[in-house]
Amino acid sequence: MPFKWNNPGCPCCDCPCACYKFDDNAEDSSTSNLHLTSTSASLSDYTTGKLDKAFKHTGTQYHEHDDHSCFNLGPDGINVWFWLKSDYEAPYTWDLSLRQPEGVVTKGSWENVGSDQRDFDGEWGIFWDESSPNDDYNGNIFFVVGNGSGELYDGNAVSRAPKAKPSEYAPGIWQFYFFWASIAEGKIYGIQDGGGAVEASLTGTQTLTSGEKLFIGNNKETGGDEFAKLGEQEYDDVSRPWLIDNVGFCKDIGTKAEMEERAENLYNNGYGRACNHAGLEGGGCCA
């Protein structure tokens, strides 16, 4: 039978549970109405995106929302996807002492000042980390889930690698990222563009819920000289803008094969599909 919105038998009516198109505002285009609060009221921060408009982060602007079940890791896990683009290529040499992951979409804080301190506090987060850029490679995208210790991070589904891994961030082009955590499986997964999923096992005890706010474009700072907001780190006194478009959240977690199919549908051969599409085919409530 066809699935319809508000049909109790619909398996995906909470997917997407929030979607942000960033088409001149930070409103939730799903029925949840989880509108974001923005530090920027300027329409000049909205620019040409992958799909219509996108929001530009230059190190001061970010969005937030109070704790909500839509953004909690929870016993079932979470699925997050977005398009991301950097308009500045960083030089290879830079000051490692200032290294701090910048938050892309986060519900927690990851401290990584230097190379041997990686403290994560919260539920989960998606971060960009510089990690010795060069002409073909511009840093890592990490999906981090806490392991309950407060002194370690756990489950980086991406790791530094040459091309074709979700970790690689190439400057100047739009790239699609699709991440999910499955608490039942004890794994997290990451997909970049139209590639297959890479995975990592979770260890310890995850923080399934917390009072942490959701941030888009911010890694909650811990003080000192850390750089945490997306676009905050500068090179040769030039700020590095990041553009983000169509951030989506889903609480319906399927099998690895099902999730890969969703990612493929959202990627749409590189053309993308905007919110409120959730990558689910055949279900009228969320296709």
Protein backbone atom coordinates (compact mmCIF):
# COMPACT_ATOMS: atom_id res chain seq x y z
CA MET A 1 0.00 0.00 0.00
CA PRO A 2 1.26 3.56 -0.57
CA PHE A 3 2.69 5.31 2.45
CA LYS A 4 1.32 8.72 3.31
CA TRP A 5 2.25 11.40 5.78
CA ASN A 6 0.84 10.71 9.27
CA ASN A 7 0.04 7.13 8.30
CA PRO A 8 0.93 5.14 11.47
CA GLY A 9 2.30 2.37 9.26
CA CYS A 10 4.76 4.66 7.51
CA PRO A 11 8.29 3.50 8.37
CA CYS A 12 9.94 6.82 7.66
CA CYS A 13 7.68 9.61 8.81
CA ASP A 14 10.42 10.87 11.11
CA CYS A 15 12.83 11.05 8.20
CA PRO A 16 13.80 13.75 7.67
CA CYS A 17 13.14 15.01 11.18
CA ALA A 18 14.80 18.33 10.25
CA CYS A 19 16.12 19.84 7.02
CA TYR A 20 17.86 23.15 6.40
CA LYS A 21 18.03 24.40 2.81
CA PHE A 22 19.66 27.74 3.76
CA ASP A 23 17.74 29.52 1.04
CA ASP A 24 18.00 33.02 2.57
CA ASN A 25 17.01 31.72 6.03
CA ALA A 26 17.83 29.06 8.61
CA GLU A 27 14.33 27.63 8.86
CA ASP A 28 13.52 23.94 9.05
CA SER A 29 11.73 22.94 5.85
CA SER A 30 10.35 19.73 7.40
CA THR A 31 7.15 19.62 9.41
CA SER A 32 9.10 19.63 12.69
CA ASN A 33 9.64 23.41 12.56
CA LEU A 34 12.99 23.15 14.34
CA HIS A 35 14.16 26.54 13.10
CA LEU A 36 17.75 27.50 13.84
CA THR A 37 18.96 30.58 15.68
CA SER A 38 21.67 32.33 13.66
CA THR A 39 24.48 34.63 14.78
CA SER A 40 24.12 36.39 11.43
CA ALA A 41 21.14 38.38 10.29
CA SER A 42 22.70 39.40 6.99
CA LEU A 43 21.36 38.11 3.70
CA SER A 44 24.87 38.63 2.31
CA ASP A 45 25.87 35.43 4.14
CA TYR A 46 23.59 33.50 1.77
CA THR A 47 25.11 32.89 -1.62
CA THR A 48 24.93 30.57 -4.62
CA GLY A 49 24.77 27.01 -3.35
CA LYS A 50 24.77 23.50 -4.68
CA LEU A 51 20.96 23.60 -4.73
CA ASP A 52 19.68 27.18 -4.91
CA LYS A 53 21.27 29.11 -1.99
CA ALA A 54 23.86 28.09 0.64
CA PHE A 55 25.16 29.68 3.84
CA LYS A 56 28.70 31.10 3.94
CA HIS A 57 30.80 30.61 7.10
CA THR A 58 33.77 32.93 7.57
CA GLY A 59 34.64 32.20 11.19
CA THR A 60 32.05 34.30 13.00
CA GLN A 61 28.69 33.02 11.78
CA TYR A 62 27.08 29.83 13.00
CA HIS A 63 23.65 28.38 13.77
CA GLU A 64 22.32 26.60 16.84
CA HIS A 65 19.28 24.88 18.26
CA ASP A 66 18.50 23.72 21.78
CA ASP A 67 18.75 20.03 22.59
CA HIS A 68 16.03 18.03 20.81
CA SER A 69 15.33 14.33 20.23
CA CYS A 70 15.76 14.87 16.47
CA PHE A 71 19.44 15.60 17.05
CA ASN A 72 20.11 13.08 19.85
CA LEU A 73 22.20 10.02 19.13
CA GLY A 74 19.60 7.96 20.98
CA PRO A 75 19.33 4.15 21.08
CA ASP A 76 18.73 3.92 17.32
CA GLY A 77 21.50 6.28 16.20
CA ILE A 78 21.38 9.21 13.81
CA ASN A 79 21.82 10.02 10.12
CA VAL A 80 23.20 13.40 8.94
CA TRP A 81 23.96 14.61 5.41
CA PHE A 82 25.01 17.86 3.74
CA TRP A 83 26.90 19.51 0.86
CA LEU A 84 30.13 21.36 1.69
CA LYS A 85 32.52 23.57 -0.24
CA SER A 86 35.71 25.48 0.62
CA ASP A 87 36.67 28.46 -1.50
CA TYR A 88 40.25 28.74 -0.26
CA GLU A 89 43.20 26.41 -0.60
CA ALA A 90 45.37 26.39 2.51
CA PRO A 91 49.17 26.42 2.24
CA TYR A 92 51.06 23.30 3.20
CA THR A 93 52.96 24.93 6.07
CA TRP A 94 51.03 26.21 9.07
CA ASP A 95 51.27 26.42 12.84
CA LEU A 96 50.32 23.07 14.39
CA SER A 97 50.14 24.67 17.84
CA LEU A 98 46.93 26.41 16.73
CA ARG A 99 45.29 23.29 15.42
CA GLN A 100 41.68 22.87 16.44
CA PRO A 101 38.97 21.02 14.51
CA GLU A 102 36.31 23.34 13.16
CA GLY A 103 32.75 22.22 13.74
CA VAL A 104 30.63 21.43 10.69
CA VAL A 105 27.57 19.85 12.35
CA THR A 106 28.05 19.05 16.03
CA LYS A 107 26.38 17.99 19.24
CA GLY A 108 29.52 18.01 21.31
CA SER A 109 33.01 19.49 21.45
CA TRP A 110 36.23 17.95 20.14
CA GLU A 111 39.51 19.38 21.38
CA ASN A 112 42.58 18.55 19.34
CA VAL A 113 45.21 21.19 20.09
CA GLY A 114 48.42 19.67 18.74
CA SER A 115 48.60 16.11 17.53
CA ASP A 116 48.29 14.04 20.71
CA GLN A 117 45.25 15.45 22.52
CA ARG A 118 41.85 14.43 21.25
CA ASP A 119 39.25 14.99 23.93
CA PHE A 120 35.60 14.68 22.93
CA ASP A 121 32.72 15.74 25.17
CA GLY A 122 29.14 15.21 24.03
CA GLU A 123 27.18 12.82 21.83
CA TRP A 124 28.53 13.15 18.28
CA GLY A 125 29.96 15.65 15.85
CA ILE A 126 31.22 16.15 12.31
CA PHE A 127 34.43 18.17 12.15
CA TRP A 128 36.92 19.45 9.61
CA ASP A 129 40.58 19.12 10.62
CA GLU A 130 43.40 20.66 8.59
CA SER A 131 46.02 17.88 8.83
CA SER A 132 48.78 19.00 6.45
CA PRO A 133 47.00 20.17 3.30
CA ASN A 134 48.55 20.19 -0.16
CA ASP A 135 47.49 20.87 -3.71
CA ASP A 136 45.22 17.81 -3.98
CA TYR A 137 44.07 17.37 -0.40
CA ASN A 138 42.70 19.91 2.01
CA GLY A 139 42.14 18.18 5.32
CA ASN A 140 39.94 15.56 6.94
CA ILE A 141 36.23 15.33 7.61
CA PHE A 142 35.69 13.34 10.81
CA PHE A 143 32.50 11.83 12.18
CA VAL A 144 33.12 11.49 15.93
CA VAL A 145 31.00 9.65 18.49
CA GLY A 146 31.88 9.81 22.19
CA ASN A 147 32.88 6.67 24.05
CA GLY A 148 32.00 7.93 27.50
CA SER A 149 35.55 8.36 28.79
CA GLY A 150 35.76 12.12 28.28
CA GLU A 151 39.38 11.82 27.23
CA LEU A 152 39.18 9.97 23.93
CA TYR A 153 37.27 10.19 20.73
CA ASP A 154 35.82 7.08 19.20
CA GLY A 155 34.66 5.95 15.81
CA ASN A 156 36.30 8.19 13.26
CA ALA A 157 34.63 6.69 10.20
CA VAL A 158 37.09 8.56 8.06
CA SER A 159 40.85 8.79 8.24
CA ARG A 160 43.55 10.56 6.32
CA ALA A 161 44.02 8.88 2.99
CA PRO A 162 44.65 9.64 -0.67
CA LYS A 163 41.73 10.32 -2.97
CA ALA A 164 38.33 8.64 -2.92
CA LYS A 165 37.93 8.41 0.86
CA PRO A 166 35.32 10.40 2.84
CA SER A 167 38.23 11.96 4.70
CA GLU A 168 39.54 13.87 1.72
CA TYR A 169 38.41 17.44 1.32
CA ALA A 170 39.32 18.94 -2.05
CA PRO A 171 39.19 22.74 -2.28
CA GLY A 172 36.91 24.64 -4.59
CA ILE A 173 34.27 22.01 -5.35
CA TRP A 174 31.01 20.94 -3.76
CA GLN A 175 31.26 17.59 -1.98
CA PHE A 176 28.44 15.52 -0.53
CA TYR A 177 28.75 13.82 2.87
CA PHE A 178 26.40 11.21 4.33
CA PHE A 179 27.05 9.86 7.84
CA TRP A 180 25.15 7.59 10.17
CA ALA A 181 25.62 5.88 13.51
CA SER A 182 23.99 2.55 14.31
CA ILE A 183 24.04 1.89 18.03
CA ALA A 184 22.47 -1.53 17.48
CA GLU A 185 25.38 -2.54 15.24
CA GLY A 186 27.97 -0.71 17.30
CA LYS A 187 29.27 1.04 14.17
CA ILE A 188 29.37 4.36 12.41
CA TYR A 189 29.63 4.93 8.68
CA GLY A 190 30.63 7.65 6.26
CA ILE A 191 30.10 8.18 2.53
CA GLN A 192 31.56 10.91 0.34
CA ASP A 193 29.88 11.77 -2.96
CA GLY A 194 28.88 8.57 -4.80
CA GLY A 195 31.37 6.23 -3.12
CA GLY A 196 30.76 3.22 -0.91
CA ALA A 197 30.55 3.43 2.87
CA VAL A 198 33.57 3.18 5.12
CA GLU A 199 32.95 2.14 8.69
CA ALA A 200 34.42 2.10 12.19
CA SER A 201 33.43 0.16 15.30
CA LEU A 202 32.22 1.90 18.42
CA THR A 203 33.75 1.02 21.77
CA GLY A 204 32.88 1.92 25.34
CA THR A 205 29.52 3.37 26.30
CA GLN A 206 28.09 6.09 24.12
CA THR A 207 26.32 9.15 25.46
CA LEU A 208 22.92 8.66 23.85
CA THR A 209 21.33 11.89 25.07
CA SER A 210 22.64 15.07 26.63
CA GLY A 211 21.78 18.70 27.09
CA GLU A 212 24.23 19.74 24.36
CA LYS A 213 22.96 22.17 21.76
CA LEU A 214 23.11 21.40 18.07
CA PHE A 215 25.56 23.64 16.22
CA ILE A 216 26.06 24.09 12.48
CA GLY A 217 29.39 25.81 11.85
CA ASN A 218 30.76 25.68 15.38
CA ASN A 219 32.80 23.36 17.61
CA LYS A 220 31.95 24.61 21.09
CA GLU A 221 35.13 26.32 22.23
CA THR A 222 36.86 25.41 25.47
CA GLY A 223 38.74 28.70 25.91
CA GLY A 224 42.26 29.83 25.10
CA ASP A 225 43.42 30.33 21.53
CA GLU A 226 41.56 27.42 19.98
CA PHE A 227 39.90 27.94 16.63
CA ALA A 228 36.55 26.23 16.50
CA LYS A 229 34.07 28.01 14.26
CA LEU A 230 33.89 26.95 10.64
CA GLY A 231 36.14 29.29 8.64
CA GLU A 232 37.86 30.78 11.69
CA GLN A 233 41.40 29.68 10.92
CA GLU A 234 43.31 32.10 8.71
CA TYR A 235 46.29 31.73 6.38
CA ASP A 236 48.41 34.77 5.45
CA ASP A 237 45.75 36.89 7.16
CA VAL A 238 43.13 35.58 4.76
CA SER A 239 40.02 33.94 6.17
CA ARG A 240 38.81 30.76 4.57
CA PRO A 241 35.09 30.72 3.74
CA TRP A 242 33.11 27.49 3.85
CA LEU A 243 29.73 27.06 2.19
CA ILE A 244 27.19 24.56 3.50
CA ASP A 245 23.95 23.56 1.85
CA ASN A 246 20.99 21.27 2.54
CA VAL A 247 21.76 19.84 5.97
CA GLY A 248 19.41 16.96 6.75
CA PHE A 249 18.74 14.75 9.78
CA CYS A 250 17.00 11.37 9.95
CA LYS A 251 16.22 9.05 12.86
CA ASP A 252 15.27 6.05 10.73
CA ILE A 253 18.41 3.90 10.45
CA GLY A 254 18.39 1.03 7.98
CA THR A 255 20.88 -1.63 6.96
CA LYS A 256 24.21 -0.64 5.42
CA ALA A 257 22.87 -1.48 1.96
CA GLU A 258 19.72 0.58 2.54
CA MET A 259 21.70 3.55 3.79
CA GLU A 260 24.09 3.38 0.85
CA GLU A 261 21.07 3.47 -1.45
CA ARG A 262 19.71 6.52 0.37
CA ALA A 263 23.05 8.28 0.00
CA GLU A 264 23.14 7.44 -3.70
CA ASN A 265 19.63 8.82 -4.17
CA LEU A 266 20.51 12.04 -2.37
CA TYR A 267 23.78 12.42 -4.27
CA ASN A 268 21.79 11.93 -7.49
CA ASN A 269 24.79 11.47 -9.80
CA GLY A 270 26.32 14.65 -8.44
CA TYR A 271 23.28 16.84 -9.07
CA GLY A 272 21.89 16.45 -5.55
CA ARG A 273 18.38 16.36 -4.21
CA ALA A 274 17.21 19.08 -1.85
CA CYS A 275 15.35 18.82 1.43
CA ASN A 276 12.97 17.39 2.24
CA HIS A 277 14.11 14.44 0.17
CA ALA A 278 15.68 11.89 2.50
CA GLY A 279 17.01 9.45 -0.06
CA LEU A 280 14.19 6.98 0.57
CA GLU A 281 12.47 5.72 -2.52
CA GLY A 282 8.90 4.40 -2.58
CA GLY A 283 7.67 6.05 0.61
CA GLY A 284 5.46 9.03 -0.16
CA CYS A 285 6.08 10.61 3.23
CA CYS A 286 9.78 11.04 2.76
CA ALA A 287 10.87 10.28 -0.79
